[in-house]
């Protein structure tokens, strides 16, 4: 009996050791994708997990971007942060300053034994997530930019040419007037007020949003989006709001539902909204470039990046970093990138993926789906590379608070933008003091 017991114990121990040796390493991935985009993220994880047996990526929705970032900071302090965290672009400078909390993606790829060549990524995308010393800090994932959507059926009903999108702001205003006259209750709206109407608007017109090349030059940057051009634009939006041709739907991406539902006829928003529009819109729609003012020299230039990237948290075991590197290699695959781009409207992060998508005839069959790419691959200037500031999340909230005073008639455009610059600069001064050196 003793012999049988020992034999059984030995067999169980061997089985346990075998199972431990062959157990999958779980990679925790916190993200902020919901709806059709959440389905895309889950499908990517399933596709990767089915492609190999060593690692298992576990995606978890942690709320909107600001909520997931707050949750990750709390989890890091408690010692249970995820392996991968999706962070929206406005959190980039804050993550860069959190050097002890993150592990640069280049370092992760190299330590994980994965091939990593930053030059294969679209420069306008990779450059945003690269430190001044040339080190790539996070992995480009769902990169988007601002584009213009319009309802062709509503245009036709208003006597407008459904095949001709308004490309300038005067044309948008004129179209909005006709849409209202035809009975449309929401001719134009926008999501992400700061991103579309100030950040991208400024870059599109080759005008500074902030000093120090929009923050890329250092933490001494200060806001400058109250120039005559930006004030004029918000004065025009104020007039549209007063006469009902512009309807403010709320902060962040609240307005996203208003276009695919047919409620609003024109909208500026993220190229990443394409997945929802393609799925839910029951009308013919068009996609075009961000509008510009034709009397501004150098316009249009290029729009700025939006969306998010994937940051790798520090303090994880070596096998976890190996798994992260393996997963990022999968995400960089040309076919995977091309399919993701076609499905979501987010930018292809590699040049090869863009070329494959173009060769497949997708852009020809789906007019306008290349707008986001062509807007971003133009040559950038120091004024249009993007905006990378500390305390950016708080600055966007301040802009929302102040511009809402315009729509309710309590402040002029100049008063609101001046106030937003003043309050935002106070945030930047605190960030600079906290991150000296």
Protein backbone atom coordinates (compact mmCIF):
# COMPACT_ATOMS: atom_id res chain seq x y z
CA UNK A 1 0.00 0.00 0.00
CA UNK A 2 2.87 2.32 0.89
CA UNK A 3 4.47 1.59 -2.51
CA UNK A 4 1.20 2.28 -4.34
CA UNK A 5 0.69 5.50 -2.38
CA UNK A 6 4.19 6.72 -3.22
CA UNK A 7 3.71 5.77 -6.87
CA UNK A 8 0.41 7.64 -7.01
CA UNK A 9 1.95 10.68 -5.33
CA UNK A 10 4.84 10.63 -7.79
CA UNK A 11 2.44 10.40 -10.73
CA UNK A 12 0.37 13.30 -9.43
CA UNK A 13 3.51 15.40 -8.85
CA UNK A 14 4.73 14.65 -12.38
CA UNK A 15 1.35 15.57 -13.81
CA UNK A 16 1.35 18.83 -11.85
CA UNK A 17 4.86 19.69 -13.01
CA UNK A 18 3.84 18.88 -16.60
CA UNK A 19 0.78 21.14 -16.37
CA UNK A 20 2.78 23.98 -14.78
CA UNK A 21 5.42 23.69 -17.46
CA UNK A 22 2.79 23.88 -20.17
CA UNK A 23 0.48 26.44 -18.55
CA UNK A 24 -0.23 29.48 -20.67
CA UNK A 25 1.08 32.84 -19.54
CA UNK A 26 -1.87 35.21 -19.24
CA UNK A 27 -1.37 38.76 -20.51
CA UNK A 28 -3.85 41.21 -18.99
CA UNK A 29 -4.91 43.97 -21.40
CA UNK A 30 -7.06 46.85 -20.15
CA UNK A 31 -8.82 48.85 -22.85
CA UNK A 32 -11.59 51.40 -23.49
CA UNK A 33 -13.24 50.02 -26.61
CA UNK A 34 -17.01 49.45 -26.51
CA UNK A 35 -19.68 48.55 -29.06
CA UNK A 36 -18.38 47.44 -32.48
CA UNK A 37 -14.85 48.47 -31.49
CA UNK A 38 -15.06 46.34 -28.36
CA UNK A 39 -16.03 43.40 -30.58
CA UNK A 40 -12.96 44.15 -32.73
CA UNK A 41 -10.64 44.09 -29.70
CA UNK A 42 -12.10 40.79 -28.49
CA UNK A 43 -11.75 39.29 -31.96
CA UNK A 44 -8.10 40.35 -32.15
CA UNK A 45 -7.40 38.62 -28.83
CA UNK A 46 -9.23 35.47 -29.96
CA UNK A 47 -7.34 35.42 -33.25
CA UNK A 48 -4.00 35.81 -31.49
CA UNK A 49 -4.79 33.21 -28.81
CA UNK A 50 -5.77 30.70 -31.50
CA UNK A 51 -2.51 31.31 -33.38
CA UNK A 52 -0.26 29.95 -30.61
CA UNK A 53 -0.45 28.13 -27.27
CA UNK A 54 2.22 29.77 -25.10
CA UNK A 55 0.37 32.98 -24.24
CA UNK A 56 -3.21 34.04 -23.66
CA UNK A 57 -4.22 37.69 -24.01
CA UNK A 58 -7.17 38.60 -21.77
CA UNK A 59 -8.83 41.89 -22.84
CA UNK A 60 -10.87 43.73 -20.20
CA UNK A 61 -13.01 46.82 -20.77
CA UNK A 62 -12.26 49.36 -18.01
CA UNK A 63 -14.51 52.25 -19.02
CA UNK A 64 -13.77 55.33 -21.10
CA UNK A 65 -10.19 56.47 -21.66
CA UNK A 66 -9.96 58.75 -18.63
CA UNK A 67 -11.58 56.10 -16.42
CA UNK A 68 -9.24 53.29 -17.50
CA UNK A 69 -6.19 55.51 -17.02
CA UNK A 70 -7.30 56.41 -13.48
CA UNK A 71 -8.00 52.75 -12.71
CA UNK A 72 -4.56 51.72 -13.99
CA UNK A 73 -2.78 54.32 -11.84
CA UNK A 74 -4.61 53.04 -8.77
CA UNK A 75 -3.84 49.43 -9.73
CA UNK A 76 -0.15 50.25 -10.23
CA UNK A 77 0.08 51.79 -6.77
CA UNK A 78 -1.60 48.68 -5.35
CA UNK A 79 0.84 46.40 -7.19
CA UNK A 80 -1.67 44.77 -9.55
CA UNK A 81 -1.51 46.81 -12.74
CA UNK A 82 -2.28 45.11 -16.08
CA UNK A 83 0.50 44.08 -18.45
CA UNK A 84 -0.88 46.31 -21.23
CA UNK A 85 -2.83 49.54 -20.86
CA UNK A 86 -4.56 51.38 -23.69
CA UNK A 87 -4.05 55.14 -23.19
CA UNK A 88 -5.56 57.88 -25.35
CA UNK A 89 -3.20 60.29 -27.03
CA UNK A 90 -3.78 63.14 -24.58
CA UNK A 91 -2.37 60.95 -21.80
CA UNK A 92 0.94 60.49 -23.65
CA UNK A 93 2.94 63.25 -21.90
CA UNK A 94 1.66 62.08 -18.50
CA UNK A 95 2.70 58.48 -19.25
CA UNK A 96 6.09 59.68 -20.50
CA UNK A 97 6.62 61.45 -17.18
CA UNK A 98 5.73 58.25 -15.28
CA UNK A 99 9.07 56.65 -16.04
CA UNK A 100 9.01 54.17 -13.17
CA UNK A 101 5.55 52.91 -14.07
CA UNK A 102 6.12 52.03 -17.71
CA UNK A 103 8.54 49.97 -19.77
CA UNK A 104 9.37 51.44 -23.23
CA UNK A 105 7.98 49.31 -26.04
CA UNK A 106 11.34 49.16 -27.85
CA UNK A 107 12.90 47.70 -24.71
CA UNK A 108 10.04 45.21 -24.34
CA UNK A 109 10.36 44.03 -27.94
CA UNK A 110 14.12 43.60 -27.68
CA UNK A 111 14.01 41.78 -24.34
CA UNK A 112 11.23 39.57 -25.68
CA UNK A 113 13.37 38.50 -28.61
CA UNK A 114 11.02 40.05 -31.17
CA UNK A 115 12.12 41.86 -34.31
CA UNK A 116 11.37 45.54 -33.95
CA UNK A 117 11.94 48.21 -36.56
CA UNK A 118 10.26 51.57 -35.78
CA UNK A 119 10.79 52.69 -39.39
CA UNK A 120 8.05 50.36 -40.68
CA UNK A 121 5.36 52.37 -38.84
CA UNK A 122 3.67 55.38 -40.44
CA UNK A 123 5.90 58.32 -39.33
CA UNK A 124 3.00 60.58 -38.33
CA UNK A 125 1.85 57.83 -35.98
CA UNK A 126 5.10 56.49 -34.53
CA UNK A 127 6.59 59.98 -34.15
CA UNK A 128 3.90 60.99 -31.69
CA UNK A 129 4.84 58.16 -29.32
CA UNK A 130 8.59 58.63 -29.62
CA UNK A 131 10.71 60.41 -27.00
CA UNK A 132 13.15 63.22 -27.94
CA UNK A 133 16.01 60.69 -27.74
CA UNK A 134 14.40 58.61 -30.51
CA UNK A 135 13.14 55.85 -28.21
CA UNK A 136 9.65 54.58 -29.03
CA UNK A 137 7.74 54.50 -25.75
CA UNK A 138 4.38 52.95 -26.59
CA UNK A 139 2.93 50.75 -29.30
CA UNK A 140 0.64 52.48 -31.86
CA UNK A 141 -2.69 50.69 -31.83
CA UNK A 142 -5.92 52.51 -32.68
CA UNK A 143 -4.64 55.69 -34.25
CA UNK A 144 -7.28 57.96 -35.71
CA UNK A 145 -7.67 61.48 -36.99
CA UNK A 146 -10.51 63.96 -37.42
CA UNK A 147 -12.68 63.67 -40.53
CA UNK A 148 -16.02 64.97 -41.83
CA UNK A 149 -19.16 62.82 -42.19
CA UNK A 150 -22.31 63.88 -44.02
CA UNK A 151 -25.72 62.39 -44.77
CA UNK A 152 -26.20 62.19 -48.54
CA UNK A 153 -29.93 61.56 -48.26
CA UNK A 154 -30.37 64.69 -46.11
CA UNK A 155 -28.29 66.68 -48.60
CA UNK A 156 -30.49 65.55 -51.47
CA UNK A 157 -33.65 66.46 -49.57
CA UNK A 158 -32.22 69.93 -48.90
CA UNK A 159 -31.40 70.53 -52.56
CA UNK A 160 -27.67 70.06 -52.04
CA UNK A 161 -25.42 67.93 -54.24
CA UNK A 162 -25.11 64.63 -52.33
CA UNK A 163 -21.89 63.78 -54.15
CA UNK A 164 -20.16 67.02 -53.21
CA UNK A 165 -19.05 67.37 -49.61
CA UNK A 166 -18.45 70.87 -48.23
CA UNK A 167 -14.68 71.21 -47.88
CA UNK A 168 -14.45 74.73 -46.40
CA UNK A 169 -16.13 76.24 -43.35
CA UNK A 170 -18.07 78.79 -45.44
CA UNK A 171 -19.46 75.83 -47.43
CA UNK A 172 -20.37 74.01 -44.20
CA UNK A 173 -22.24 77.09 -42.95
CA UNK A 174 -24.10 77.46 -46.26
CA UNK A 175 -25.02 73.75 -46.30
CA UNK A 176 -26.21 73.96 -42.68
CA UNK A 177 -28.50 76.86 -43.58
CA UNK A 178 -30.11 74.85 -46.41
CA UNK A 179 -30.46 71.77 -44.21
CA UNK A 180 -32.24 73.82 -41.55
CA UNK A 181 -34.50 75.42 -44.16
CA UNK A 182 -35.48 71.93 -45.33
CA UNK A 183 -36.60 71.06 -41.81
CA UNK A 184 -33.51 69.37 -40.41
CA UNK A 185 -33.27 69.96 -36.66
CA UNK A 186 -29.55 69.18 -36.35
CA UNK A 187 -27.64 70.30 -39.45
CA UNK A 188 -24.17 70.09 -37.86
CA UNK A 189 -22.59 68.73 -34.69
CA UNK A 190 -19.17 67.65 -33.48
CA UNK A 191 -17.64 65.25 -31.00
CA UNK A 192 -14.41 65.87 -29.05
CA UNK A 193 -14.65 69.68 -29.12
CA UNK A 194 -11.00 70.38 -28.24
CA UNK A 195 -9.58 67.70 -30.54
CA UNK A 196 -11.63 68.52 -33.64
CA UNK A 197 -12.20 72.28 -33.32
CA UNK A 198 -8.92 73.40 -31.72
CA UNK A 199 -6.16 70.78 -31.91
CA UNK A 200 -6.77 69.42 -35.41
CA UNK A 201 -8.23 72.74 -36.56
CA UNK A 202 -4.99 74.50 -35.62
CA UNK A 203 -2.72 71.93 -37.30
CA UNK A 204 -4.96 71.87 -40.40
CA UNK A 205 -4.37 75.64 -40.64
CA UNK A 206 -0.66 75.38 -39.71
CA UNK A 207 -1.31 77.50 -36.61
CA UNK A 208 0.13 76.82 -33.16
CA UNK A 209 -2.11 75.40 -30.45
CA UNK A 210 0.65 75.83 -27.86
CA UNK A 211 4.19 77.20 -27.73
CA UNK A 212 7.32 75.02 -27.80
CA UNK A 213 6.03 73.42 -31.01
CA UNK A 214 2.81 72.34 -29.30
CA UNK A 215 4.68 70.85 -26.36
CA UNK A 216 7.12 68.69 -28.29
CA UNK A 217 9.87 71.15 -27.36
CA UNK A 218 9.54 70.75 -23.60
CA UNK A 219 7.40 71.17 -20.51
CA UNK A 220 7.67 74.97 -20.60
CA UNK A 221 5.01 75.01 -23.34
CA UNK A 222 2.05 77.34 -22.86
CA UNK A 223 -1.33 77.43 -24.63
CA UNK A 224 -1.82 79.75 -27.61
CA UNK A 225 -5.20 78.74 -29.09
CA UNK A 226 -6.77 82.19 -28.61
CA UNK A 227 -5.28 83.69 -31.77
CA UNK A 228 -7.52 85.74 -34.14
CA UNK A 229 -8.05 82.66 -36.38
CA UNK A 230 -9.25 80.39 -33.59
CA UNK A 231 -11.41 83.17 -32.11
CA UNK A 232 -12.99 83.81 -35.53
CA UNK A 233 -13.80 80.12 -35.91
CA UNK A 234 -15.54 79.96 -32.53
CA UNK A 235 -17.41 83.16 -33.29
CA UNK A 236 -18.77 81.40 -36.39
CA UNK A 237 -19.70 78.33 -34.33
CA UNK A 238 -21.40 80.65 -31.81
CA UNK A 239 -23.53 82.19 -34.58
CA UNK A 240 -24.43 78.70 -35.84
CA UNK A 241 -25.34 77.60 -32.32
CA UNK A 242 -27.58 80.64 -31.88
CA UNK A 243 -29.48 80.08 -35.14
CA UNK A 244 -29.75 76.32 -34.62
CA UNK A 245 -27.50 75.15 -37.44
CA UNK A 246 -24.91 73.83 -34.95
CA UNK A 247 -26.19 71.67 -32.11
CA UNK A 248 -23.83 70.92 -29.22
CA UNK A 249 -24.40 67.36 -28.03
CA UNK A 250 -22.02 67.19 -25.10
CA UNK A 251 -18.45 66.39 -24.17
CA UNK A 252 -16.02 63.77 -25.45
CA UNK A 253 -17.68 61.44 -27.98
CA UNK A 254 -21.29 61.95 -26.82
CA UNK A 255 -22.19 63.27 -30.27
CA UNK A 256 -21.05 60.06 -31.99
CA UNK A 257 -24.52 58.53 -31.77
CA UNK A 258 -26.14 61.55 -33.44
CA UNK A 259 -24.75 60.93 -36.92
CA UNK A 260 -25.30 57.18 -37.57
CA UNK A 261 -28.80 57.50 -36.10
CA UNK A 262 -29.63 60.13 -38.74
CA UNK A 263 -30.35 62.83 -36.15
CA UNK A 264 -27.55 65.14 -37.32
CA UNK A 265 -26.73 65.61 -41.00
CA UNK A 266 -23.09 66.71 -40.75
CA UNK A 267 -20.46 65.91 -38.16
CA UNK A 268 -16.75 66.26 -37.46
CA UNK A 269 -15.37 63.38 -35.45
CA UNK A 270 -13.00 60.45 -35.34
CA UNK A 271 -12.17 58.26 -38.31
CA UNK A 272 -12.64 55.46 -35.77
CA UNK A 273 -16.39 56.14 -35.84
CA UNK A 274 -16.48 54.52 -39.30
CA UNK A 275 -17.16 51.05 -37.87
CA UNK A 276 -20.32 52.30 -36.15
CA UNK A 277 -21.47 54.37 -39.12
CA UNK A 278 -20.97 51.45 -41.53
CA UNK A 279 -22.92 49.15 -39.21
CA UNK A 280 -25.77 51.39 -38.03
CA UNK A 281 -26.46 54.08 -40.67
CA UNK A 282 -29.69 53.44 -42.60
CA UNK A 283 -28.91 56.14 -45.14
CA UNK A 284 -26.27 56.92 -47.76
CA UNK A 285 -23.35 58.77 -46.25
CA UNK A 286 -20.15 60.41 -47.37
CA UNK A 287 -16.72 60.90 -45.79
CA UNK A 288 -14.55 63.92 -46.49
CA UNK A 289 -11.68 65.98 -45.17
CA UNK A 290 -11.84 68.34 -42.21
CA UNK A 291 -13.16 71.74 -43.41
CA UNK A 292 -10.78 74.72 -43.56
CA UNK A 293 -10.84 78.48 -44.16
CA UNK A 294 -9.66 79.11 -47.74
CA UNK A 295 -8.26 82.56 -46.91
CA UNK A 296 -5.67 81.12 -44.48
CA UNK A 297 -2.25 80.78 -46.09
CA UNK A 298 -0.89 77.23 -45.98
CA UNK A 299 -4.26 75.60 -45.30
CA UNK A 300 -5.00 72.81 -45.43
CA UNK A 301 -1.87 71.29 -43.89
CA UNK A 302 -2.37 68.03 -41.99
CA UNK A 303 -4.58 66.85 -39.15
CA UNK A 304 -3.27 65.43 -35.87
CA UNK A 305 -3.36 62.01 -34.35
CA UNK A 306 -6.10 60.77 -32.07
CA UNK A 307 -7.07 57.39 -30.72
CA UNK A 308 -4.71 55.57 -28.41
CA UNK A 309 -1.57 53.49 -28.03
CA UNK A 310 -0.63 50.51 -25.87
CA UNK A 311 1.67 51.09 -22.91
CA UNK A 312 3.50 48.27 -21.14
CA UNK A 313 3.52 48.50 -17.36
CA UNK A 314 6.69 47.88 -15.38
CA UNK A 315 7.42 45.27 -12.69
CA UNK A 316 6.19 42.24 -14.64
CA UNK A 317 7.93 38.83 -14.97
CA UNK A 318 10.14 38.18 -18.02
CA UNK A 319 7.69 35.68 -19.52
CA UNK A 320 4.98 38.35 -19.51
CA UNK A 321 7.18 40.75 -21.48
CA UNK A 322 7.96 37.95 -23.90
CA UNK A 323 4.22 37.44 -24.36
CA UNK A 324 3.59 41.16 -24.84
CA UNK A 325 6.34 41.32 -27.48
CA UNK A 326 4.85 38.32 -29.24
CA UNK A 327 1.38 39.88 -29.20
CA UNK A 328 2.65 43.22 -30.53
CA UNK A 329 4.39 41.37 -33.36
CA UNK A 330 1.04 39.79 -34.22
CA UNK A 331 -0.70 43.19 -34.16
CA UNK A 332 1.94 44.60 -36.54
CA UNK A 333 1.33 41.90 -39.14
CA UNK A 334 0.47 43.50 -42.47
CA UNK A 335 -2.71 41.46 -43.03
CA UNK A 336 -3.92 41.95 -39.46
CA UNK A 337 -3.32 45.70 -39.75
CA UNK A 338 -5.06 45.98 -43.10
CA UNK A 339 -8.14 44.08 -41.91
CA UNK A 340 -8.33 46.18 -38.74
CA UNK A 341 -8.07 49.39 -40.77
CA UNK A 342 -10.85 48.31 -43.12
CA UNK A 343 -13.08 47.20 -40.27
CA UNK A 344 -12.69 50.19 -37.94
CA UNK A 345 -11.58 53.29 -39.86
CA UNK A 346 -8.51 53.59 -37.66
CA UNK A 347 -5.26 54.25 -39.49
CA UNK A 348 -3.07 51.38 -40.67
CA UNK A 349 -0.02 51.77 -38.42
CA UNK A 350 2.41 50.42 -41.01
CA UNK A 351 3.11 51.65 -44.53
CA UNK A 352 2.88 48.05 -45.80
CA UNK A 353 -0.68 47.72 -44.44
CA UNK A 354 -1.73 50.91 -46.21
CA UNK A 355 -0.28 49.65 -49.50
CA UNK A 356 -2.00 46.26 -49.10
CA UNK A 357 -5.35 47.94 -48.41
CA UNK A 358 -4.93 50.18 -51.44
CA UNK A 359 -3.99 47.22 -53.67
CA UNK A 360 -7.06 45.30 -52.49
CA UNK A 361 -9.33 47.94 -54.03
CA UNK A 362 -10.92 48.80 -50.67
CA UNK A 363 -10.52 52.57 -51.06
CA UNK A 364 -11.98 52.45 -54.56
CA UNK A 365 -14.96 50.40 -53.41
CA UNK A 366 -15.50 52.52 -50.29
CA UNK A 367 -14.93 56.17 -51.26
CA UNK A 368 -13.66 58.36 -48.44
CA UNK A 369 -12.13 55.59 -46.35
CA UNK A 370 -8.66 56.78 -47.36
CA UNK A 371 -9.30 60.34 -46.17
CA UNK A 372 -7.85 59.72 -42.69
CA UNK A 373 -4.67 58.27 -44.18
CA UNK A 374 -4.09 60.99 -46.75
CA UNK A 375 -4.70 63.70 -44.15
CA UNK A 376 -2.03 62.21 -41.90
CA UNK A 377 0.71 61.25 -44.35
CA UNK A 378 1.27 64.79 -45.62
CA UNK A 379 4.57 66.38 -44.64
CA UNK A 380 4.20 67.91 -41.18
CA UNK A 381 5.60 71.19 -39.87
CA UNK A 382 6.64 72.16 -36.33
CA UNK A 383 3.15 73.65 -35.95
CA UNK A 384 1.28 70.62 -37.23
CA UNK A 385 3.12 67.57 -35.87
CA UNK A 386 0.59 67.18 -33.10
CA UNK A 387 -0.01 68.34 -29.53
CA UNK A 388 1.78 66.68 -26.61
CA UNK A 389 1.19 68.43 -23.30
CA UNK A 390 1.18 67.53 -19.64
CA UNK A 391 -2.15 67.62 -17.77
CA UNK A 392 -3.81 67.39 -21.21
CA UNK A 393 -6.86 65.57 -19.87
CA UNK A 394 -7.53 68.45 -17.46
CA UNK A 395 -6.91 71.02 -20.22
CA UNK A 396 -9.52 69.39 -22.45
CA UNK A 397 -12.02 69.49 -19.58
CA UNK A 398 -11.30 73.19 -19.09
CA UNK A 399 -11.88 73.82 -22.82
CA UNK A 400 -15.21 71.97 -22.60
CA UNK A 401 -16.25 74.03 -19.58
CA UNK A 402 -15.32 77.36 -21.13
CA UNK A 403 -16.69 76.74 -24.64
CA UNK A 404 -19.99 75.55 -23.15
CA UNK A 405 -20.32 79.13 -21.88
CA UNK A 406 -20.37 80.20 -25.55
CA UNK A 407 -23.23 77.87 -26.50
CA UNK A 408 -25.37 79.02 -23.57
CA UNK A 409 -24.71 82.68 -24.40
CA UNK A 410 -22.82 83.55 -21.21
CA UNK A 411 -19.47 84.34 -22.83
CA UNK A 412 -18.16 85.55 -26.18
CA UNK A 413 -15.81 83.33 -28.13
CA UNK A 414 -12.81 85.47 -27.20
CA UNK A 415 -13.72 85.56 -23.51
CA UNK A 416 -14.10 81.77 -23.41
CA UNK A 417 -10.86 80.99 -25.25
CA UNK A 418 -8.91 83.56 -23.22
CA UNK A 419 -10.23 82.00 -20.01
CA UNK A 420 -9.42 78.49 -21.22
CA UNK A 421 -5.85 79.53 -22.08
CA UNK A 422 -5.38 81.18 -18.68
CA UNK A 423 -6.73 78.21 -16.71
CA UNK A 424 -4.93 75.69 -18.90
CA UNK A 425 -1.61 77.47 -18.48
CA UNK A 426 -1.98 77.21 -14.72
CA UNK A 427 -2.17 73.43 -15.18
CA UNK A 428 0.92 73.47 -17.41
CA UNK A 429 2.89 75.53 -14.89
CA UNK A 430 2.14 72.98 -12.17
CA UNK A 431 3.07 70.10 -14.48
CA UNK A 432 6.38 71.77 -15.38
CA UNK A 433 7.30 72.30 -11.71
CA UNK A 434 6.42 68.69 -10.87
CA UNK A 435 8.50 67.27 -13.73
CA UNK A 436 11.64 69.40 -13.75
CA UNK A 437 14.61 67.38 -14.96
